[in-house]
């Protein structure tokens, strides 16, 4: 009987760990429609085809070139470029610099170089694509042996445009790209993490209700923050949402702070509401809850109370399993003591 009790307690503890979300689940990478060339109505698309073996479960690694490399190492990635229009076009392929500032991944103009683009080579710099034709381009990143530690940013661009002629003095370019997040350093990769420091309701100048969150990148890698908000236990027991964050993909460099804005798509009572906000970047995910009340005056901030981070509140399944495990352990302990007394 004593062995059976231990078996059931261990089984319940395993179920508790799985319900608590210790084992991360993969999420599909969001797709973005390619920009259009307004002058000719021509469209191109680009997507990444490869991801590192150790990042198969990370959705960011399927959308962007994300890796940690030691000095002197080399990686290869393939991108697929598609002519999504009904006319032939020439597409230029090149790498250009990028940076992170004020919560945004900022693209440098045209062919602006940086250290990462100097390490990057392509097996072709131009493609002549027929209508609806697709081609693949191989990208190689070779890190020098004397490269210093740190994260670099860039973009693999596919660009097309309308050449100028006698009747057009302005060239309109259209380009789509795959971001590059390359961290260099010896040893293991720096951890990725963030903290939701503040959550508060607002009403913008047009009168629309919003929920804003202040985010702090506490890890050693850049993050692309996305997520959703649900409003629970509102007036009359109402529920609303989920609402998507307005700036899905808000990007924060290590140590940066930024803001995620979630606009409500329909007017709702001021509250109070239980706001549950879940934000993620790749496999890193955090949830916070707060009791909020929207302000009545446009351009103002509403009331916030009872803020709780995800570690402060168990899910119903976790709470039920933990209570059951404790109860079963107590019964086993009582039975063991009873048998000892009988002996």
Protein backbone atom coordinates (compact mmCIF):
# COMPACT_ATOMS: atom_id res chain seq x y z
CA UNK A 1 0.00 0.00 0.00
CA UNK A 2 2.85 2.32 0.82
CA UNK A 3 4.37 1.82 -2.65
CA UNK A 4 1.00 2.37 -4.32
CA UNK A 5 0.57 5.70 -2.51
CA UNK A 6 3.95 6.89 -3.75
CA UNK A 7 3.04 5.82 -7.30
CA UNK A 8 -0.17 7.86 -7.35
CA UNK A 9 1.48 10.92 -5.76
CA UNK A 10 4.24 10.87 -8.40
CA UNK A 11 1.69 10.46 -11.18
CA UNK A 12 -0.29 13.47 -9.95
CA UNK A 13 2.90 15.53 -9.62
CA UNK A 14 3.75 14.77 -13.27
CA UNK A 15 0.28 15.86 -14.36
CA UNK A 16 0.69 19.02 -12.29
CA UNK A 17 4.00 19.89 -14.03
CA UNK A 18 2.45 19.39 -17.49
CA UNK A 19 -0.62 21.49 -16.65
CA UNK A 20 1.57 24.27 -15.27
CA UNK A 21 3.07 24.76 -18.71
CA UNK A 22 6.67 23.88 -17.87
CA UNK A 23 6.97 22.15 -21.24
CA UNK A 24 6.73 24.93 -23.86
CA UNK A 25 4.39 24.55 -26.80
CA UNK A 26 5.21 25.71 -30.29
CA UNK A 27 3.20 28.51 -31.86
CA UNK A 28 2.77 29.13 -35.58
CA UNK A 29 4.69 32.09 -36.96
CA UNK A 30 2.38 34.89 -38.13
CA UNK A 31 2.50 35.67 -41.85
CA UNK A 32 2.57 39.19 -43.24
CA UNK A 33 1.25 40.21 -46.67
CA UNK A 34 3.97 41.52 -48.97
CA UNK A 35 3.95 45.20 -49.87
CA UNK A 36 2.76 46.27 -53.30
CA UNK A 37 4.34 48.51 -55.89
CA UNK A 38 1.67 51.22 -56.34
CA UNK A 39 3.08 52.32 -59.68
CA UNK A 40 2.75 49.02 -61.47
CA UNK A 41 0.56 46.92 -59.19
CA UNK A 42 3.31 44.30 -59.07
CA UNK A 43 3.85 42.20 -55.98
CA UNK A 44 6.72 40.08 -54.68
CA UNK A 45 6.96 37.76 -51.70
CA UNK A 46 9.81 36.32 -49.69
CA UNK A 47 10.01 33.71 -46.94
CA UNK A 48 12.64 31.82 -44.98
CA UNK A 49 12.92 28.09 -45.69
CA UNK A 50 15.40 26.92 -43.02
CA UNK A 51 15.60 26.99 -39.23
CA UNK A 52 18.30 25.60 -36.89
CA UNK A 53 17.66 22.16 -35.43
CA UNK A 54 17.69 23.53 -31.88
CA UNK A 55 15.05 26.15 -32.79
CA UNK A 56 12.46 23.96 -34.53
CA UNK A 57 9.86 24.86 -31.90
CA UNK A 58 10.59 28.60 -32.03
CA UNK A 59 8.22 30.45 -34.40
CA UNK A 60 10.63 33.39 -34.73
CA UNK A 61 13.29 31.10 -36.20
CA UNK A 62 10.86 30.12 -38.98
CA UNK A 63 10.13 33.74 -39.90
CA UNK A 64 13.54 35.37 -39.30
CA UNK A 65 17.20 34.32 -39.36
CA UNK A 66 17.76 34.02 -35.60
CA UNK A 67 20.95 32.38 -34.35
CA UNK A 68 23.79 32.45 -31.82
CA UNK A 69 27.20 31.91 -33.42
CA UNK A 70 30.71 31.54 -32.11
CA UNK A 71 33.48 33.59 -33.74
CA UNK A 72 34.80 31.78 -36.81
CA UNK A 73 31.56 29.85 -37.48
CA UNK A 74 29.43 29.80 -40.65
CA UNK A 75 25.74 29.18 -41.31
CA UNK A 76 23.68 28.88 -44.50
CA UNK A 77 19.99 29.73 -44.91
CA UNK A 78 17.70 29.64 -47.94
CA UNK A 79 15.02 32.18 -48.79
CA UNK A 80 12.30 31.77 -51.39
CA UNK A 81 11.33 34.71 -53.61
CA UNK A 82 8.05 34.69 -55.54
CA UNK A 83 6.75 36.89 -58.32
CA UNK A 84 3.12 37.15 -57.24
CA UNK A 85 2.08 39.29 -60.20
CA UNK A 86 0.89 38.40 -63.71
CA UNK A 87 3.87 40.03 -65.46
CA UNK A 88 7.58 39.18 -65.57
CA UNK A 89 9.90 41.18 -63.33
CA UNK A 90 13.54 41.55 -62.36
CA UNK A 91 14.23 41.28 -58.61
CA UNK A 92 17.40 42.50 -56.90
CA UNK A 93 18.59 40.49 -53.87
CA UNK A 94 20.90 42.07 -51.29
CA UNK A 95 21.63 42.39 -47.56
CA UNK A 96 21.28 45.73 -45.81
CA UNK A 97 21.69 47.07 -42.30
CA UNK A 98 19.01 47.34 -39.63
CA UNK A 99 18.80 48.50 -36.02
CA UNK A 100 16.42 48.54 -33.06
CA UNK A 101 15.27 51.87 -31.66
CA UNK A 102 12.21 53.06 -29.72
CA UNK A 103 10.55 49.66 -29.80
CA UNK A 104 10.87 49.19 -33.55
CA UNK A 105 13.03 47.14 -35.90
CA UNK A 106 14.31 49.95 -38.15
CA UNK A 107 15.37 49.33 -41.75
CA UNK A 108 18.31 51.31 -43.10
CA UNK A 109 17.88 53.03 -46.49
CA UNK A 110 18.63 51.05 -49.65
CA UNK A 111 21.97 49.17 -49.56
CA UNK A 112 23.30 50.66 -46.31
CA UNK A 113 25.98 48.28 -44.96
CA UNK A 114 26.96 47.31 -41.44
CA UNK A 115 29.16 44.68 -39.81
CA UNK A 116 26.63 41.88 -40.35
CA UNK A 117 26.12 42.64 -44.05
CA UNK A 118 29.89 42.43 -44.46
CA UNK A 119 29.72 38.86 -43.16
CA UNK A 120 26.77 37.98 -45.42
CA UNK A 121 27.00 36.70 -49.00
CA UNK A 122 24.35 35.54 -51.49
CA UNK A 123 24.62 33.01 -54.30
CA UNK A 124 22.87 35.50 -56.61
CA UNK A 125 22.12 39.21 -56.57
CA UNK A 126 19.43 39.25 -59.23
CA UNK A 127 16.49 37.14 -60.39
CA UNK A 128 14.44 37.34 -63.60
CA UNK A 129 11.11 35.81 -62.65
CA UNK A 130 8.21 35.01 -64.95
CA UNK A 131 4.66 35.58 -63.76
CA UNK A 132 3.99 33.50 -60.60
CA UNK A 133 7.51 32.03 -60.74
CA UNK A 134 9.45 31.14 -57.58
CA UNK A 135 13.20 30.97 -57.03
CA UNK A 136 15.47 30.17 -54.09
CA UNK A 137 18.48 32.14 -52.91
CA UNK A 138 21.18 30.78 -50.60
CA UNK A 139 22.45 33.11 -47.87
CA UNK A 140 25.77 32.49 -46.12
CA UNK A 141 26.82 34.22 -42.89
CA UNK A 142 30.52 33.78 -42.04
CA UNK A 143 31.57 35.27 -38.70
CA UNK A 144 35.24 36.31 -38.48
CA UNK A 145 37.40 34.70 -35.81
CA UNK A 146 38.11 38.09 -34.24
CA UNK A 147 34.44 39.19 -34.11
CA UNK A 148 33.45 40.80 -30.81
CA UNK A 149 30.52 39.59 -28.73
CA UNK A 150 27.09 41.11 -29.26
CA UNK A 151 23.96 40.97 -31.37
CA UNK A 152 23.79 42.34 -34.94
CA UNK A 153 20.75 43.10 -37.10
CA UNK A 154 20.15 43.16 -40.82
CA UNK A 155 17.70 42.22 -43.60
CA UNK A 156 17.87 40.05 -46.71
CA UNK A 157 15.91 42.16 -49.22
CA UNK A 158 14.12 41.27 -52.46
CA UNK A 159 13.50 44.51 -54.34
CA UNK A 160 11.79 45.47 -57.59
CA UNK A 161 10.88 48.82 -59.05
CA UNK A 162 9.65 50.82 -62.00
CA UNK A 163 12.61 52.25 -63.92
CA UNK A 164 12.42 55.93 -64.79
CA UNK A 165 11.68 56.96 -68.37
CA UNK A 166 10.78 60.13 -70.24
CA UNK A 167 7.26 60.23 -68.82
CA UNK A 168 8.22 59.28 -65.23
CA UNK A 169 10.80 61.18 -63.19
CA UNK A 170 10.08 59.27 -59.97
CA UNK A 171 11.07 55.67 -59.34
CA UNK A 172 8.80 53.71 -57.01
CA UNK A 173 10.48 50.74 -55.33
CA UNK A 174 8.86 47.78 -53.64
CA UNK A 175 10.83 45.46 -51.39
CA UNK A 176 10.20 42.66 -48.94
CA UNK A 177 12.72 41.12 -46.60
CA UNK A 178 13.69 38.55 -44.00
CA UNK A 179 15.10 39.97 -40.78
CA UNK A 180 18.41 38.80 -39.34
CA UNK A 181 19.15 38.56 -35.60
CA UNK A 182 22.70 37.22 -35.27
CA UNK A 183 24.25 37.05 -31.79
CA UNK A 184 27.99 36.43 -31.56
CA UNK A 185 29.75 35.04 -28.52
CA UNK A 186 31.56 32.06 -27.07
CA UNK A 187 29.71 29.53 -24.96
CA UNK A 188 25.97 29.23 -24.62
CA UNK A 189 23.41 31.64 -25.98
CA UNK A 190 22.26 34.47 -23.67
CA UNK A 191 18.79 33.77 -22.22
CA UNK A 192 15.69 35.51 -23.58
CA UNK A 193 13.12 36.94 -21.18
CA UNK A 194 10.96 39.97 -20.48
CA UNK A 195 8.78 41.43 -17.74
CA UNK A 196 5.39 43.12 -17.95
CA UNK A 197 6.05 46.03 -15.62
CA UNK A 198 2.78 47.91 -15.88
CA UNK A 199 -0.71 47.49 -17.30
CA UNK A 200 -3.22 50.34 -17.47
CA UNK A 201 -6.39 51.37 -19.36
CA UNK A 202 -6.61 54.56 -21.43
CA UNK A 203 -9.01 56.36 -23.73
CA UNK A 204 -7.39 57.91 -26.80
CA UNK A 205 -8.21 61.35 -28.13
CA UNK A 206 -10.81 59.88 -30.49
CA UNK A 207 -12.60 58.30 -27.55
CA UNK A 208 -11.58 54.68 -28.25
CA UNK A 209 -10.70 52.49 -25.27
CA UNK A 210 -7.22 50.97 -25.10
CA UNK A 211 -5.13 48.86 -22.77
CA UNK A 212 -1.41 49.60 -22.62
CA UNK A 213 1.44 47.56 -21.17
CA UNK A 214 4.97 48.60 -20.30
CA UNK A 215 7.48 45.87 -21.25
CA UNK A 216 11.11 45.44 -20.13
CA UNK A 217 13.48 43.15 -22.03
CA UNK A 218 15.37 41.53 -19.15
CA UNK A 219 17.24 38.97 -21.28
CA UNK A 220 20.27 39.02 -23.54
CA UNK A 221 18.57 38.72 -26.97
CA UNK A 222 16.26 41.00 -28.93
CA UNK A 223 12.54 40.21 -28.67
CA UNK A 224 9.56 40.61 -31.02
CA UNK A 225 6.56 41.05 -28.74
CA UNK A 226 3.04 40.07 -29.76
CA UNK A 227 -0.02 38.93 -27.83
CA UNK A 228 -3.66 39.32 -26.97
CA UNK A 229 -5.95 40.76 -24.30
CA UNK A 230 -9.15 39.31 -22.81
CA UNK A 231 -11.57 41.27 -20.63
CA UNK A 232 -13.39 39.17 -18.02
CA UNK A 233 -15.93 39.68 -15.23
CA UNK A 234 -17.15 43.01 -16.57
CA UNK A 235 -20.38 44.82 -15.64
CA UNK A 236 -23.24 42.34 -15.65
CA UNK A 237 -20.77 39.44 -16.01
CA UNK A 238 -19.73 40.48 -19.52
CA UNK A 239 -16.67 39.09 -21.31
CA UNK A 240 -14.92 40.62 -24.32
CA UNK A 241 -12.04 39.72 -26.59
CA UNK A 242 -9.53 38.46 -27.23
CA UNK A 243 -8.14 41.65 -28.75
CA UNK A 244 -4.81 41.58 -30.61
CA UNK A 245 -2.00 43.95 -29.75
CA UNK A 246 -1.86 46.83 -32.22
CA UNK A 247 1.90 46.60 -32.72
CA UNK A 248 2.38 42.88 -33.08
CA UNK A 249 6.10 42.42 -33.41
CA UNK A 250 7.11 45.36 -31.20
CA UNK A 251 10.87 44.83 -31.05
CA UNK A 252 13.03 45.44 -27.98
CA UNK A 253 16.81 45.19 -27.80
CA UNK A 254 18.34 43.73 -24.60
CA UNK A 255 17.68 46.09 -21.69
CA UNK A 256 15.14 48.19 -23.63
CA UNK A 257 11.70 49.17 -22.42
CA UNK A 258 8.73 49.66 -24.72
CA UNK A 259 4.96 49.83 -24.83
CA UNK A 260 2.39 47.46 -26.30
CA UNK A 261 -0.98 48.98 -27.19
CA UNK A 262 -4.18 46.92 -27.45
CA UNK A 263 -7.07 48.92 -28.96
CA UNK A 264 -10.65 47.74 -28.40
CA UNK A 265 -12.62 47.36 -31.61
CA UNK A 266 -15.99 48.21 -30.05
CA UNK A 267 -17.20 50.51 -27.22
CA UNK A 268 -17.55 48.76 -23.87
CA UNK A 269 -18.73 49.81 -20.40
CA UNK A 270 -16.03 51.51 -18.36
CA UNK A 271 -15.85 48.63 -15.91
CA UNK A 272 -14.50 47.41 -13.67
CA UNK A 273 -13.05 44.54 -15.74
CA UNK A 274 -10.52 41.81 -15.09
CA UNK A 275 -7.93 42.36 -17.82
CA UNK A 276 -5.83 39.32 -18.76
CA UNK A 277 -2.92 40.15 -21.07
CA UNK A 278 -0.68 37.45 -22.56
CA UNK A 279 2.46 38.52 -24.42
CA UNK A 280 5.08 36.35 -26.09
CA UNK A 281 8.27 36.39 -28.10
CA UNK A 282 9.15 33.06 -29.61
CA UNK A 283 8.91 30.50 -26.81
CA UNK A 284 8.98 33.09 -24.02
CA UNK A 285 5.49 33.91 -22.76
CA UNK A 286 4.15 35.86 -19.78
CA UNK A 287 0.65 36.71 -18.57
CA UNK A 288 -0.54 39.43 -16.23
CA UNK A 289 -3.97 40.22 -14.78
CA UNK A 290 -5.33 43.42 -13.32
CA UNK A 291 -8.66 44.93 -12.33
CA UNK A 292 -9.11 47.99 -14.55
CA UNK A 293 -11.67 50.74 -15.16
CA UNK A 294 -11.58 52.78 -18.37
CA UNK A 295 -11.62 56.58 -18.02
CA UNK A 296 -14.50 58.64 -19.37
CA UNK A 297 -12.37 61.57 -20.59
CA UNK A 298 -10.51 61.21 -23.93
CA UNK A 299 -6.74 61.34 -23.59
CA UNK A 300 -6.72 60.17 -19.96
CA UNK A 301 -5.67 57.12 -17.94
CA UNK A 302 -8.10 54.96 -15.98
CA UNK A 303 -7.86 53.15 -12.66
CA UNK A 304 -5.85 49.98 -12.04
CA UNK A 305 -6.01 47.67 -9.04
CA UNK A 306 -4.97 44.16 -7.98
CA UNK A 307 -2.18 43.57 -10.50
CA UNK A 308 -0.98 39.95 -10.56
CA UNK A 309 1.76 38.32 -12.63
CA UNK A 310 1.35 34.80 -14.01
CA UNK A 311 3.30 33.22 -11.14
CA UNK A 312 0.80 34.71 -8.68
CA UNK A 313 -2.27 32.87 -9.98
CA UNK A 314 -2.54 29.18 -10.85
CA UNK A 315 -4.81 27.99 -13.61
CA UNK A 316 -7.91 26.02 -12.46
CA UNK A 317 -6.36 22.76 -13.66
CA UNK A 318 -3.14 23.43 -11.77
CA UNK A 319 -5.02 24.41 -8.60
CA UNK A 320 -7.22 21.29 -8.77
CA UNK A 321 -4.32 18.91 -9.39
CA UNK A 322 -2.16 20.43 -6.67
CA UNK A 323 -5.01 20.16 -4.13
CA UNK A 324 -5.68 16.56 -5.13
CA UNK A 325 -1.99 15.64 -4.87
CA UNK A 326 -1.77 17.16 -1.38
CA UNK A 327 -4.94 15.38 -0.27
CA UNK A 328 -3.69 12.01 -1.54
CA UNK A 329 -0.31 12.50 0.13
CA UNK A 330 -2.05 13.32 3.43
CA UNK A 331 -4.20 10.16 3.19
CA UNK A 332 -1.14 8.03 2.50
CA UNK A 333 0.65 9.55 5.50
CA UNK A 334 -2.33 8.91 7.81
CA UNK A 335 -2.63 5.32 6.63
CA UNK A 336 1.08 4.72 7.20
CA UNK A 337 0.83 6.02 10.77
CA UNK A 338 -2.31 3.91 11.38
CA UNK A 339 -0.53 0.73 10.25
CA UNK A 340 2.45 1.48 12.47
CA UNK A 341 0.23 1.91 15.51
CA UNK A 342 -1.52 -1.42 14.81
CA UNK A 343 1.86 -3.17 14.68
